[in-house]
Amino acid sequence: MAFLRSLAFPMLTFSAILLLLIHGAHCFYLPGVAPQDFDKVSFISLTYGDPLQVKVNKLTSTKTQLPYSYYSLPYCRPEKIQDSAENLGEVLRGDRIENSLYVFKMREPQMCNVLCKITLDAKTAKEFKEKINDEYRVNMILDNLPLVVPIKRMDQDSFVYQLGFHVGLKGQYSGSKEEKHFIHNHLAFTVKYHRDLQTGSARIVGFEVKPFSVKHEFEGKWGENTRLTTCDPHTKHTVVNSNTPQEVEENKDIIFTYDVEFKESDVKWASRWDAYLLMSDDQIHWFSIVNSLMIVLFLSGMVAMIMLRTLYRDISKYNELETQEEAQEETGWKLVHGDVFRPPNNSDLLCVYVGTGVQFLGMILVTMIFAVLGFLSPSNRGSLMTAMLLLWVFMGIFAGYSSSRLYKMFKGSEWKKIAFRTAVLFPAIVSAIFFVLNALIWGQKSSGAVPFGTMFALIFLWFGISVPLVFVGSYVGFKKPAIENPVKTNKIPRQIPEQAWYMNPVFSVLVGGILPFGAVFIELFFILTSIWLNQFYYIFGFLFLVFIILIITCAEITIVLCYFQLCSEDYLWWWRSYLTSGSSALYLFLYATFYFFTKLEITKTVSAILYFGYMLIASYAFFVLTGTIGFYACYWFTRLIYSSVKID
């Protein structure tokens, strides 16, 4: 009964936590940046016209996944281009935030402002055409808000917002079959603001644009004071359509212009990101996640009930054995008690992978907590990636501790060797893949390539902080007394009987990965969409819930298959417990392959290599994480059952 209670308590605790999470799934939101006031009040009158600096960010395309700097195209440039300070995550994402010639004055509408005129040569015309063919979008920022294009939904009055506007479009003149390239050279900006009636100050709560392609015309020679005939603020003639588009061809002149309109909004500053985050059909999203959670909870409940009933009967039967004849006739998992804790082959490597998995688990748990609290919201660009990198580095101390504790239990003595391998193995494999991918990005002259300064910073985080912390953790773990197993190990290994086909290691490992993958695959769709289709991901409360479900599922499926393995008198459970739940990473990579061919429109070879390279890294990390969860669950389970029976 003690064993029954020990298994039942964690399940009851988990159920209570789950109910609380479901009840409070609507987490509060912390904006992450301080608000900026414009049009400050004086005692005499309101002052207007505070300058609003529009910053330009990278050019992005879902077809190539290769970001480029805004000024990689011959757009209108300021006299001096200034880069904004960027955090580590922004640099790794390929963000390049720079100043621009777009300068507004708060609450002062502008019509048909001329930015500049350029003449295309063969090279620049080719560059524009390539970006238009690859459907690149221009990203801008005002007061930390990204520029969006509002698109009205067909069946509703609400809008869907797309990040950035297309560089241009392809089309045909009426009566012609020849395809032409047209550039968006006129931008109609809308700046939404919320005004505080008490103080009179205004805060920006929206930044929208409608792009147009217009072949501007003017009379006389071009100069600073030249007035356009296609749009003129003096005659209130503005651009409302693209009926006479601007073609992209060699020796063509392109005049860049823009309008600015200010609209007062009821949306408060703290809620200004809501419109950006609610970009998809949230009803389907929520239903899918809840449906997935209910299925996994049902399966978990079934598994727990089977385990409780079966194990309670087994332990009661084994403890009632009295005579020598009955003891000789015993079968099942008790029979291998003298071999169940025998160190496995390649035990050093197992220690390294378990330590790395603990490092991952700690990093993800802390990151999830900060994300749920709102500290890693999309308004803090790059904060999520920066937090994960730093947490990975500082969690090295737990990696060293857990690997050395396991290593000492396996009678190991060279703790420095295991500490070094724990600190180096996983990062070295990931770095090797990353360097190859980065070289490909460099070859494409993309802003997504990590600069040498950032590369040096990453190497310093690895060898300057992470490696020493792993050694500190290993030293502390190795100094502690070795973990004592509940039963002694025989000197001579027991022969393993021939196994049934369904207990084949490969088959059972592949079956074991299905359930953990099933717990996350719906959420995985939204994560992949946010990464590869340039959308925001924001439901961290549900993601945390799914992660808890993943942990429970990995633990339960590994325990069940481990129990069946021991019942068939196969005591080689160490590596199999790791691989059972870790095999879910294989299904993750297969799903990523399916997603590539069904949802993405990537055609370039380099872009495809980048996709599969990054998904290979993600799958490898998922393998280490889920494998470690399964291993510890199985280890706890075997210690528990063998300490619950009488061993003569």
Foldseek 3Di string as FASTA:
>chain_A
DVLLVVLVVVVVVVVVVLVVLVVPLPFDADLQDDFDWAQFDDPPGTDWFDKWWKKWKWKAFLQQRFTAGPVVAVDQADPDKDWDDDDLLCLLSLITIITGQDMGIGQDWDAWAWRDKDAAAPVNLVVLVVQQVRFIFIWMDISLDIEWAWDADPPDRHTATDGGGTQWYWDDDPPDPDIFTFGQQEKEWEWEWEADPVGRIITTLHIYIDTEFADWAFDDDDDPPTAIPCIGVVVRRHDDHHPPGHTRDHRGMGIHTYIYHYHYDPDDNSCSCVSQAPNDDVVVVVVVLVVLVVVLVVVLVVLSVVCSVVLVVVQVVQQPDDDPVVVVPDAFLVVQLQALPQQDPPNLVLLLLLLLLQLLVQLVVVLLVCQSNNNPFVSRRSPSVVSSLLSSQLSLLSSLQSSLLSCVLNVHDPSVVSLQCSLDVLVVVLVVLVVVLLVLSVVVVGSSRNDPVSVVVSVCSRVVGRSVSSVNSNVVNNPDDHDDFLGHHDPDHDDQDDDDPCLPLVNQLLVLQPSLLSLCVSVVVVVCCCSSVVGDDRSSSSVVVSVVSSLSSLLSSLQVSCSVCSSSVNSNNQQSLLSNNLSNLVVQLVVLVVCCVPPGNHDDPSSVSSSSSVSVSVSVSSSSNSSSSSNVSNVVSVSSSSNSHDDD
